[in-house]
Amino acid sequence: MFRLSCSIYEQDYQKLFGQKPKKALKGEVVNLNYDFSMLDFIMPHLIYAYMGYICINNPSRKNFEIFKGDLGLSYQKVIKTYQKKDKK
């Protein structure tokens, strides 16, 4: 299985899934009503959802194209973070 994951802005995460869950205990997954083995479905990340991560397992071409938009948001988020650090 191939899992593609990325972090998105909090407001985008909330639009897709509502409030972020609490951090899972070590060795466990977040407490959300998702089957994290589901294929080709965009969902919160099973461990890092509390940090705003999303994922998709074995994406089809169609859903990969949708997910690419989220990858773009993730890239923008990283660039802004590092630009802020460089200004300090």
PDB file of N, CA and C in Angstrom:
ATOM      1  N   MET A   1       0.851  -1.177   0.000  1.00  0.00           N
ATOM      2  CA  MET A   1       0.000   0.000   0.000  1.00  0.00           C
ATOM      3  C   MET A   1       0.894   1.237   0.000  1.00  0.00           C
ATOM      4  N   PHE A   2       0.464   2.258  -0.704  1.00  0.00           N
ATOM      5  CA  PHE A   2       1.162   3.535  -0.781  1.00  0.00           C
ATOM      6  C   PHE A   2       0.284   4.603  -0.142  1.00  0.00           C
ATOM      7  N   ARG A   3       0.826   5.314   0.839  1.00  0.00           N
ATOM      8  CA  ARG A   3       0.072   6.393   1.496  1.00  0.00           C
ATOM      9  C   ARG A   3       0.760   7.719   1.192  1.00  0.00           C
ATOM     10  N   LEU A   4       0.009   8.628   0.610  1.00  0.00           N
ATOM     11  CA  LEU A   4       0.494   9.972   0.324  1.00  0.00           C
ATOM     12  C   LEU A   4      -0.074  10.895   1.396  1.00  0.00           C
ATOM     13  N   SER A   5       0.797  11.654   2.060  1.00  0.00           N
ATOM     14  CA  SER A   5       0.373  12.509   3.173  1.00  0.00           C
ATOM     15  C   SER A   5       0.921  13.912   3.012  1.00  0.00           C
ATOM     16  N   CYS A   6       0.202  14.877   3.569  1.00  0.00           N
ATOM     17  CA  CYS A   6       0.711  16.250   3.609  1.00  0.00           C
ATOM     18  C   CYS A   6      -0.019  17.021   4.702  1.00  0.00           C
ATOM     19  N   SER A   7       0.602  18.116   5.110  1.00  0.00           N
ATOM     20  CA  SER A   7       0.019  19.010   6.104  1.00  0.00           C
ATOM     21  C   SER A   7      -0.639  20.180   5.378  1.00  0.00           C
ATOM     22  N   ILE A   8      -1.831  20.552   5.809  1.00  0.00           N
ATOM     23  CA  ILE A   8      -2.516  21.689   5.198  1.00  0.00           C
ATOM     24  C   ILE A   8      -2.840  22.716   6.282  1.00  0.00           C
ATOM     25  N   TYR A   9      -3.229  23.906   5.851  1.00  0.00           N
ATOM     26  CA  TYR A   9      -3.592  24.958   6.807  1.00  0.00           C
ATOM     27  C   TYR A   9      -4.784  24.514   7.654  1.00  0.00           C
ATOM     28  N   GLU A  10      -4.796  24.997   8.894  1.00  0.00           N
ATOM     29  CA  GLU A  10      -5.847  24.607   9.836  1.00  0.00           C
ATOM     30  C   GLU A  10      -7.241  24.908   9.297  1.00  0.00           C
ATOM     31  N   GLN A  11      -7.430  26.089   8.679  1.00  0.00           N
ATOM     32  CA  GLN A  11      -8.761  26.437   8.169  1.00  0.00           C
ATOM     33  C   GLN A  11      -9.182  25.498   7.036  1.00  0.00           C
ATOM     34  N   ASP A  12      -8.239  25.039   6.224  1.00  0.00           N
ATOM     35  CA  ASP A  12      -8.569  24.091   5.157  1.00  0.00           C
ATOM     36  C   ASP A  12      -8.907  22.719   5.735  1.00  0.00           C
ATOM     37  N   TYR A  13      -8.164  22.315   6.767  1.00  0.00           N
ATOM     38  CA  TYR A  13      -8.461  21.052   7.444  1.00  0.00           C
ATOM     39  C   TYR A  13      -9.876  21.095   8.024  1.00  0.00           C
ATOM     40  N   GLN A  14     -10.217  22.201   8.677  1.00  0.00           N
ATOM     41  CA  GLN A  14     -11.537  22.324   9.292  1.00  0.00           C
ATOM     42  C   GLN A  14     -12.653  22.300   8.260  1.00  0.00           C
ATOM     43  N   LYS A  15     -12.419  22.894   7.096  1.00  0.00           N
ATOM     44  CA  LYS A  15     -13.430  22.848   6.030  1.00  0.00           C
ATOM     45  C   LYS A  15     -13.689  21.418   5.582  1.00  0.00           C
ATOM     46  N   LEU A  16     -12.635  20.624   5.526  1.00  0.00           N
ATOM     47  CA  LEU A  16     -12.770  19.238   5.063  1.00  0.00           C
ATOM     48  C   LEU A  16     -13.304  18.294   6.138  1.00  0.00           C
ATOM     49  N   PHE A  17     -12.790  18.438   7.377  1.00  0.00           N
ATOM     50  CA  PHE A  17     -13.048  17.418   8.395  1.00  0.00           C
ATOM     51  C   PHE A  17     -13.546  17.942   9.734  1.00  0.00           C
ATOM     52  N   GLY A  18     -13.671  19.243   9.890  1.00  0.00           N
ATOM     53  CA  GLY A  18     -14.057  19.787  11.187  1.00  0.00           C
ATOM     54  C   GLY A  18     -12.838  19.946  12.089  1.00  0.00           C
ATOM     55  N   GLN A  19     -13.068  19.967  13.383  1.00  0.00           N
ATOM     56  CA  GLN A  19     -11.988  20.175  14.343  1.00  0.00           C
ATOM     57  C   GLN A  19     -10.958  19.051  14.274  1.00  0.00           C
ATOM     58  N   LYS A  20      -9.696  19.425  14.496  1.00  0.00           N
ATOM     59  CA  LYS A  20      -8.633  18.425  14.543  1.00  0.00           C
ATOM     60  C   LYS A  20      -8.786  17.595  15.817  1.00  0.00           C
ATOM     61  N   PRO A  21      -8.442  16.313  15.747  1.00  0.00           N
ATOM     62  CA  PRO A  21      -8.543  15.465  16.942  1.00  0.00           C
ATOM     63  C   PRO A  21      -7.379  15.723  17.898  1.00  0.00           C
ATOM     64  N   LYS A  22      -7.492  15.171  19.079  1.00  0.00           N
ATOM     65  CA  LYS A  22      -6.386  15.218  20.032  1.00  0.00           C
ATOM     66  C   LYS A  22      -5.304  14.242  19.575  1.00  0.00           C
ATOM     67  N   LYS A  23      -4.102  14.477  20.042  1.00  0.00           N
ATOM     68  CA  LYS A  23      -2.976  13.598  19.723  1.00  0.00           C
ATOM     69  C   LYS A  23      -3.252  12.202  20.278  1.00  0.00           C
ATOM     70  N   ALA A  24      -2.954  11.196  19.468  1.00  0.00           N
ATOM     71  CA  ALA A  24      -3.154   9.807  19.893  1.00  0.00           C
ATOM     72  C   ALA A  24      -2.070   9.402  20.890  1.00  0.00           C
ATOM     73  N   LEU A  25      -2.396   8.446  21.720  1.00  0.00           N
ATOM     74  CA  LEU A  25      -1.397   7.888  22.621  1.00  0.00           C
ATOM     75  C   LEU A  25      -0.353   7.138  21.806  1.00  0.00           C
ATOM     76  N   LYS A  26       0.829   7.012  22.350  1.00  0.00           N
ATOM     77  CA  LYS A  26       1.917   6.326  21.649  1.00  0.00           C
ATOM     78  C   LYS A  26       1.472   4.925  21.224  1.00  0.00           C
ATOM     79  N   GLY A  27       1.689   4.616  19.945  1.00  0.00           N
ATOM     80  CA  GLY A  27       1.332   3.301  19.411  1.00  0.00           C
ATOM     81  C   GLY A  27      -0.117   3.174  18.970  1.00  0.00           C
ATOM     82  N   GLU A  28      -0.899   4.242  19.114  1.00  0.00           N
ATOM     83  CA  GLU A  28      -2.305   4.206  18.720  1.00  0.00           C
ATOM     84  C   GLU A  28      -2.561   5.185  17.578  1.00  0.00           C
ATOM     85  N   VAL A  29      -3.771   5.132  17.018  1.00  0.00           N
ATOM     86  CA  VAL A  29      -4.173   6.068  15.967  1.00  0.00           C
ATOM     87  C   VAL A  29      -5.150   7.075  16.569  1.00  0.00           C
ATOM     88  N   VAL A  30      -5.341   8.197  15.859  1.00  0.00           N
ATOM     89  CA  VAL A  30      -6.258   9.222  16.362  1.00  0.00           C
ATOM     90  C   VAL A  30      -7.676   8.660  16.465  1.00  0.00           C
ATOM     91  N   ASN A  31      -8.444   9.241  17.365  1.00  0.00           N
ATOM     92  CA  ASN A  31      -9.804   8.776  17.616  1.00  0.00           C
ATOM     93  C   ASN A  31     -10.770   9.461  16.648  1.00  0.00           C
ATOM     94  N   LEU A  32     -10.865   8.922  15.452  1.00  0.00           N
ATOM     95  CA  LEU A  32     -11.774   9.430  14.427  1.00  0.00           C
ATOM     96  C   LEU A  32     -12.529   8.256  13.821  1.00  0.00           C
ATOM     97  N   ASN A  33     -13.671   8.538  13.276  1.00  0.00           N
ATOM     98  CA  ASN A  33     -14.507   7.485  12.705  1.00  0.00           C
ATOM     99  C   ASN A  33     -14.144   7.245  11.237  1.00  0.00           C
ATOM    100  N   TYR A  34     -12.916   6.772  11.007  1.00  0.00           N
ATOM    101  CA  TYR A  34     -12.446   6.463   9.656  1.00  0.00           C
ATOM    102  C   TYR A  34     -11.823   5.084   9.644  1.00  0.00           C
ATOM    103  N   ASP A  35     -11.973   4.399   8.531  1.00  0.00           N
ATOM    104  CA  ASP A  35     -11.247   3.155   8.293  1.00  0.00           C
ATOM    105  C   ASP A  35      -9.957   3.558   7.591  1.00  0.00           C
ATOM    106  N   PHE A  36      -8.863   3.626   8.326  1.00  0.00           N
ATOM    107  CA  PHE A  36      -7.612   4.135   7.786  1.00  0.00           C
ATOM    108  C   PHE A  36      -6.950   3.185   6.789  1.00  0.00           C
ATOM    109  N   SER A  37      -7.548   2.026   6.572  1.00  0.00           N
ATOM    110  CA  SER A  37      -7.048   1.122   5.528  1.00  0.00           C
ATOM    111  C   SER A  37      -7.794   1.332   4.207  1.00  0.00           C
ATOM    112  N   MET A  38      -8.785   2.226   4.212  1.00  0.00           N
ATOM    113  CA  MET A  38      -9.570   2.490   3.009  1.00  0.00           C
ATOM    114  C   MET A  38      -8.668   3.030   1.904  1.00  0.00           C
ATOM    115  N   LEU A  39      -8.882   2.551   0.689  1.00  0.00           N
ATOM    116  CA  LEU A  39      -8.078   2.964  -0.451  1.00  0.00           C
ATOM    117  C   LEU A  39      -8.764   4.077  -1.236  1.00  0.00           C
ATOM    118  N   ASP A  40      -7.955   4.945  -1.831  1.00  0.00           N
ATOM    119  CA  ASP A  40      -8.419   5.971  -2.762  1.00  0.00           C
ATOM    120  C   ASP A  40      -9.467   6.903  -2.145  1.00  0.00           C
ATOM    121  N   PHE A  41      -9.208   7.346  -0.921  1.00  0.00           N
ATOM    122  CA  PHE A  41     -10.144   8.213  -0.203  1.00  0.00           C
ATOM    123  C   PHE A  41      -9.337   9.226   0.611  1.00  0.00           C
ATOM    124  N   ILE A  42      -9.597  10.507   0.411  1.00  0.00           N
ATOM    125  CA  ILE A  42      -8.886  11.540   1.166  1.00  0.00           C
ATOM    126  C   ILE A  42      -9.482  11.618   2.567  1.00  0.00           C
ATOM    127  N   MET A  43      -8.605  11.516   3.574  1.00  0.00           N
ATOM    128  CA  MET A  43      -9.052  11.475   4.970  1.00  0.00           C
ATOM    129  C   MET A  43      -7.971  12.063   5.872  1.00  0.00           C
ATOM    130  N   PRO A  44      -8.309  12.302   7.138  1.00  0.00           N
ATOM    131  CA  PRO A  44      -7.279  12.746   8.074  1.00  0.00           C
ATOM    132  C   PRO A  44      -6.198  11.666   8.211  1.00  0.00           C
ATOM    133  N   HIS A  45      -4.972  12.093   8.490  1.00  0.00           N
ATOM    134  CA  HIS A  45      -3.890  11.131   8.692  1.00  0.00           C
ATOM    135  C   HIS A  45      -4.131  10.369   9.987  1.00  0.00           C
ATOM    136  N   LEU A  46      -3.868   9.080   9.985  1.00  0.00           N
ATOM    137  CA  LEU A  46      -4.179   8.233  11.134  1.00  0.00           C
ATOM    138  C   LEU A  46      -3.391   8.567  12.391  1.00  0.00           C
ATOM    139  N   ILE A  47      -2.228   9.184  12.259  1.00  0.00           N
ATOM    140  CA  ILE A  47      -1.431   9.553  13.431  1.00  0.00           C
ATOM    141  C   ILE A  47      -1.293  11.066  13.555  1.00  0.00           C
ATOM    142  N   TYR A  48      -1.051  11.749  12.456  1.00  0.00           N
ATOM    143  CA  TYR A  48      -0.716  13.171  12.491  1.00  0.00           C
ATOM    144  C   TYR A  48      -1.884  14.109  12.179  1.00  0.00           C
ATOM    145  N   ALA A  49      -3.098  13.622  12.253  1.00  0.00           N
ATOM    146  CA  ALA A  49      -4.267  14.484  12.015  1.00  0.00           C
ATOM    147  C   ALA A  49      -4.306  15.638  13.010  1.00  0.00           C
ATOM    148  N   TYR A  50      -3.830  15.405  14.215  1.00  0.00           N
ATOM    149  CA  TYR A  50      -3.846  16.470  15.231  1.00  0.00           C
ATOM    150  C   TYR A  50      -2.970  17.654  14.824  1.00  0.00           C
ATOM    151  N   MET A  51      -2.042  17.441  13.885  1.00  0.00           N
ATOM    152  CA  MET A  51      -1.189  18.520  13.373  1.00  0.00           C
ATOM    153  C   MET A  51      -1.688  19.050  12.031  1.00  0.00           C
ATOM    154  N   GLY A  52      -2.849  18.566  11.582  1.00  0.00           N
ATOM    155  CA  GLY A  52      -3.420  19.048  10.326  1.00  0.00           C
ATOM    156  C   GLY A  52      -2.985  18.273   9.100  1.00  0.00           C
ATOM    157  N   TYR A  53      -2.523  17.045   9.300  1.00  0.00           N
ATOM    158  CA  TYR A  53      -2.116  16.216   8.162  1.00  0.00           C
ATOM    159  C   TYR A  53      -3.311  15.455   7.602  1.00  0.00           C
ATOM    160  N   ILE A  54      -3.297  15.294   6.296  1.00  0.00           N
ATOM    161  CA  ILE A  54      -4.293  14.483   5.604  1.00  0.00           C
ATOM    162  C   ILE A  54      -3.553  13.430   4.790  1.00  0.00           C
ATOM    163  N   CYS A  55      -4.283  12.427   4.311  1.00  0.00           N
ATOM    164  CA  CYS A  55      -3.639  11.375   3.534  1.00  0.00           C
ATOM    165  C   CYS A  55      -4.630  10.729   2.575  1.00  0.00           C
ATOM    166  N   ILE A  56      -4.052   9.960   1.663  1.00  0.00           N
ATOM    167  CA  ILE A  56      -4.838   9.118   0.762  1.00  0.00           C
ATOM    168  C   ILE A  56      -4.014   7.863   0.500  1.00  0.00           C
ATOM    169  N   ASN A  57      -4.643   6.708   0.587  1.00  0.00           N
ATOM    170  CA  ASN A  57      -3.980   5.429   0.336  1.00  0.00           C
ATOM    171  C   ASN A  57      -4.251   4.979  -1.091  1.00  0.00           C
ATOM    172  N   ASN A  58      -3.189   4.616  -1.801  1.00  0.00           N
ATOM    173  CA  ASN A  58      -3.302   4.129  -3.186  1.00  0.00           C
ATOM    174  C   ASN A  58      -4.255   4.991  -4.018  1.00  0.00           C
ATOM    175  N   PRO A  59      -3.909   6.263  -4.220  1.00  0.00           N
ATOM    176  CA  PRO A  59      -4.820   7.147  -4.955  1.00  0.00           C
ATOM    177  C   PRO A  59      -4.969   6.765  -6.424  1.00  0.00           C
ATOM    178  N   SER A  60      -6.192   6.863  -6.920  1.00  0.00           N
ATOM    179  CA  SER A  60      -6.437   6.720  -8.357  1.00  0.00           C
ATOM    180  C   SER A  60      -5.908   7.984  -9.033  1.00  0.00           C
ATOM    181  N   ARG A  61      -5.799   7.957 -10.330  1.00  0.00           N
ATOM    182  CA  ARG A  61      -5.337   9.143 -11.065  1.00  0.00           C
ATOM    183  C   ARG A  61      -6.255  10.332 -10.767  1.00  0.00           C
ATOM    184  N   LYS A  62      -7.572  10.084 -10.769  1.00  0.00           N
ATOM    185  CA  LYS A  62      -8.549  11.152 -10.526  1.00  0.00           C
ATOM    186  C   LYS A  62      -8.351  11.780  -9.145  1.00  0.00           C
ATOM    187  N   ASN A  63      -8.260  10.950  -8.108  1.00  0.00           N
ATOM    188  CA  ASN A  63      -8.113  11.485  -6.757  1.00  0.00           C
ATOM    189  C   ASN A  63      -6.714  12.040  -6.498  1.00  0.00           C
ATOM    190  N   PHE A  64      -5.711  11.521  -7.203  1.00  0.00           N
ATOM    191  CA  PHE A  64      -4.386  12.116  -7.090  1.00  0.00           C
ATOM    192  C   PHE A  64      -4.411  13.548  -7.612  1.00  0.00           C
ATOM    193  N   GLU A  65      -5.130  13.773  -8.695  1.00  0.00           N
ATOM    194  CA  GLU A  65      -5.241  15.133  -9.245  1.00  0.00           C
ATOM    195  C   GLU A  65      -5.908  16.066  -8.236  1.00  0.00           C
ATOM    196  N   ILE A  66      -6.908  15.578  -7.529  1.00  0.00           N
ATOM    197  CA  ILE A  66      -7.558  16.373  -6.476  1.00  0.00           C
ATOM    198  C   ILE A  66      -6.568  16.638  -5.340  1.00  0.00           C
ATOM    199  N   PHE A  67      -5.846  15.596  -4.932  1.00  0.00           N
ATOM    200  CA  PHE A  67      -4.904  15.700  -3.815  1.00  0.00           C
ATOM    201  C   PHE A  67      -3.736  16.625  -4.153  1.00  0.00           C
ATOM    202  N   LYS A  68      -3.395  16.744  -5.423  1.00  0.00           N
ATOM    203  CA  LYS A  68      -2.298  17.627  -5.826  1.00  0.00           C
ATOM    204  C   LYS A  68      -2.553  19.064  -5.382  1.00  0.00           C
ATOM    205  N   GLY A  69      -3.810  19.470  -5.352  1.00  0.00           N
ATOM    206  CA  GLY A  69      -4.135  20.806  -4.841  1.00  0.00           C
ATOM    207  C   GLY A  69      -3.740  20.950  -3.383  1.00  0.00           C
ATOM    208  N   ASP A  70      -3.957  19.894  -2.600  1.00  0.00           N
ATOM    209  CA  ASP A  70      -3.561  19.906  -1.193  1.00  0.00           C
ATOM    210  C   ASP A  70      -2.042  19.908  -1.057  1.00  0.00           C
ATOM    211  N   LEU A  71      -1.357  19.207  -1.950  1.00  0.00           N
ATOM    212  CA  LEU A  71       0.107  19.227  -1.933  1.00  0.00           C
ATOM    213  C   LEU A  71       0.620  20.641  -2.206  1.00  0.00           C
ATOM    214  N   GLY A  72      -0.061  21.341  -3.103  1.00  0.00           N
ATOM    215  CA  GLY A  72       0.307  22.729  -3.386  1.00  0.00           C
ATOM    216  C   GLY A  72       0.141  23.610  -2.160  1.00  0.00           C
ATOM    217  N   LEU A  73      -0.965  23.427  -1.436  1.00  0.00           N
ATOM    218  CA  LEU A  73      -1.185  24.184  -0.199  1.00  0.00           C
ATOM    219  C   LEU A  73      -0.113  23.859   0.835  1.00  0.00           C
ATOM    220  N   SER A  74       0.240  22.586   0.916  1.00  0.00           N
ATOM    221  CA  SER A  74       1.266  22.151   1.855  1.00  0.00           C
ATOM    222  C   SER A  74       2.607  22.798   1.522  1.00  0.00           C
ATOM    223  N   TYR A  75       2.935  22.844   0.261  1.00  0.00           N
ATOM    224  CA  TYR A  75       4.186  23.459  -0.179  1.00  0.00           C
ATOM    225  C   TYR A  75       4.200  24.949   0.179  1.00  0.00           C
ATOM    226  N   GLN A  76       3.097  25.640  -0.070  1.00  0.00           N
ATOM    227  CA  GLN A  76       3.006  27.063   0.273  1.00  0.00           C
ATOM    228  C   GLN A  76       3.185  27.278   1.777  1.00  0.00           C
ATOM    229  N   LYS A  77       2.608  26.381   2.563  1.00  0.00           N
ATOM    230  CA  LYS A  77       2.713  26.471   4.015  1.00  0.00           C
ATOM    231  C   LYS A  77       4.174  26.342   4.455  1.00  0.00           C
ATOM    232  N   VAL A  78       4.891  25.408   3.875  1.00  0.00           N
ATOM    233  CA  VAL A  78       6.307  25.209   4.213  1.00  0.00           C
ATOM    234  C   VAL A  78       7.130  26.433   3.820  1.00  0.00           C
ATOM    235  N   ILE A  79       6.901  26.951   2.624  1.00  0.00           N
ATOM    236  CA  ILE A  79       7.638  28.128   2.159  1.00  0.00           C
ATOM    237  C   ILE A  79       7.417  29.306   3.105  1.00  0.00           C
ATOM    238  N   LYS A  80       6.176  29.562   3.498  1.00  0.00           N
ATOM    239  CA  LYS A  80       5.882  30.677   4.412  1.00  0.00           C
ATOM    240  C   LYS A  80       6.564  30.480   5.764  1.00  0.00           C
ATOM    241  N   THR A  81       6.566  29.246   6.253  1.00  0.00           N
ATOM    242  CA  THR A  81       7.205  28.952   7.534  1.00  0.00           C
ATOM    243  C   THR A  81       8.693  29.270   7.475  1.00  0.00           C
ATOM    244  N   TYR A  82       9.359  28.826   6.424  1.00  0.00           N
ATOM    245  CA  TYR A  82      10.802  29.063   6.320  1.00  0.00           C
ATOM    246  C   TYR A  82      11.127  30.515   6.019  1.00  0.00           C
ATOM    247  N   GLN A  83      10.270  31.215   5.304  1.00  0.00           N
ATOM    248  CA  GLN A  83      10.497  32.641   5.057  1.00  0.00           C
ATOM    249  C   GLN A  83      10.426  33.425   6.366  1.00  0.00           C
ATOM    250  N   LYS A  84       9.501  33.048   7.236  1.00  0.00           N
ATOM    251  CA  LYS A  84       9.395  33.706   8.544  1.00  0.00           C
ATOM    252  C   LYS A  84      10.654  33.457   9.368  1.00  0.00           C
ATOM    253  N   LYS A  85      11.173  32.224   9.317  1.00  0.00           N
ATOM    254  CA  LYS A  85      12.381  31.891  10.079  1.00  0.00           C
ATOM    255  C   LYS A  85      13.588  32.646   9.547  1.00  0.00           C
ATOM    256  N   ASP A  86      13.670  32.830   8.232  1.00  0.00           N
ATOM    257  CA  ASP A  86      14.796  33.545   7.624  1.00  0.00           C
ATOM    258  C   ASP A  86      14.813  35.018   8.000  1.00  0.00           C
ATOM    259  N   LYS A  87      13.654  35.597   8.279  1.00  0.00           N
ATOM    260  CA  LYS A  87      13.566  37.024   8.616  1.00  0.00           C
ATOM    261  C   LYS A  87      14.021  37.302  10.045  1.00  0.00           C
ATOM    262  N   LYS A  88      14.103  36.275  10.860  1.00  0.00           N
ATOM    263  CA  LYS A  88      14.494  36.458  12.274  1.00  0.00           C
ATOM    264  C   LYS A  88      15.985  36.610  12.407  1.00  0.00           C
TER     265      LYS A  88
END
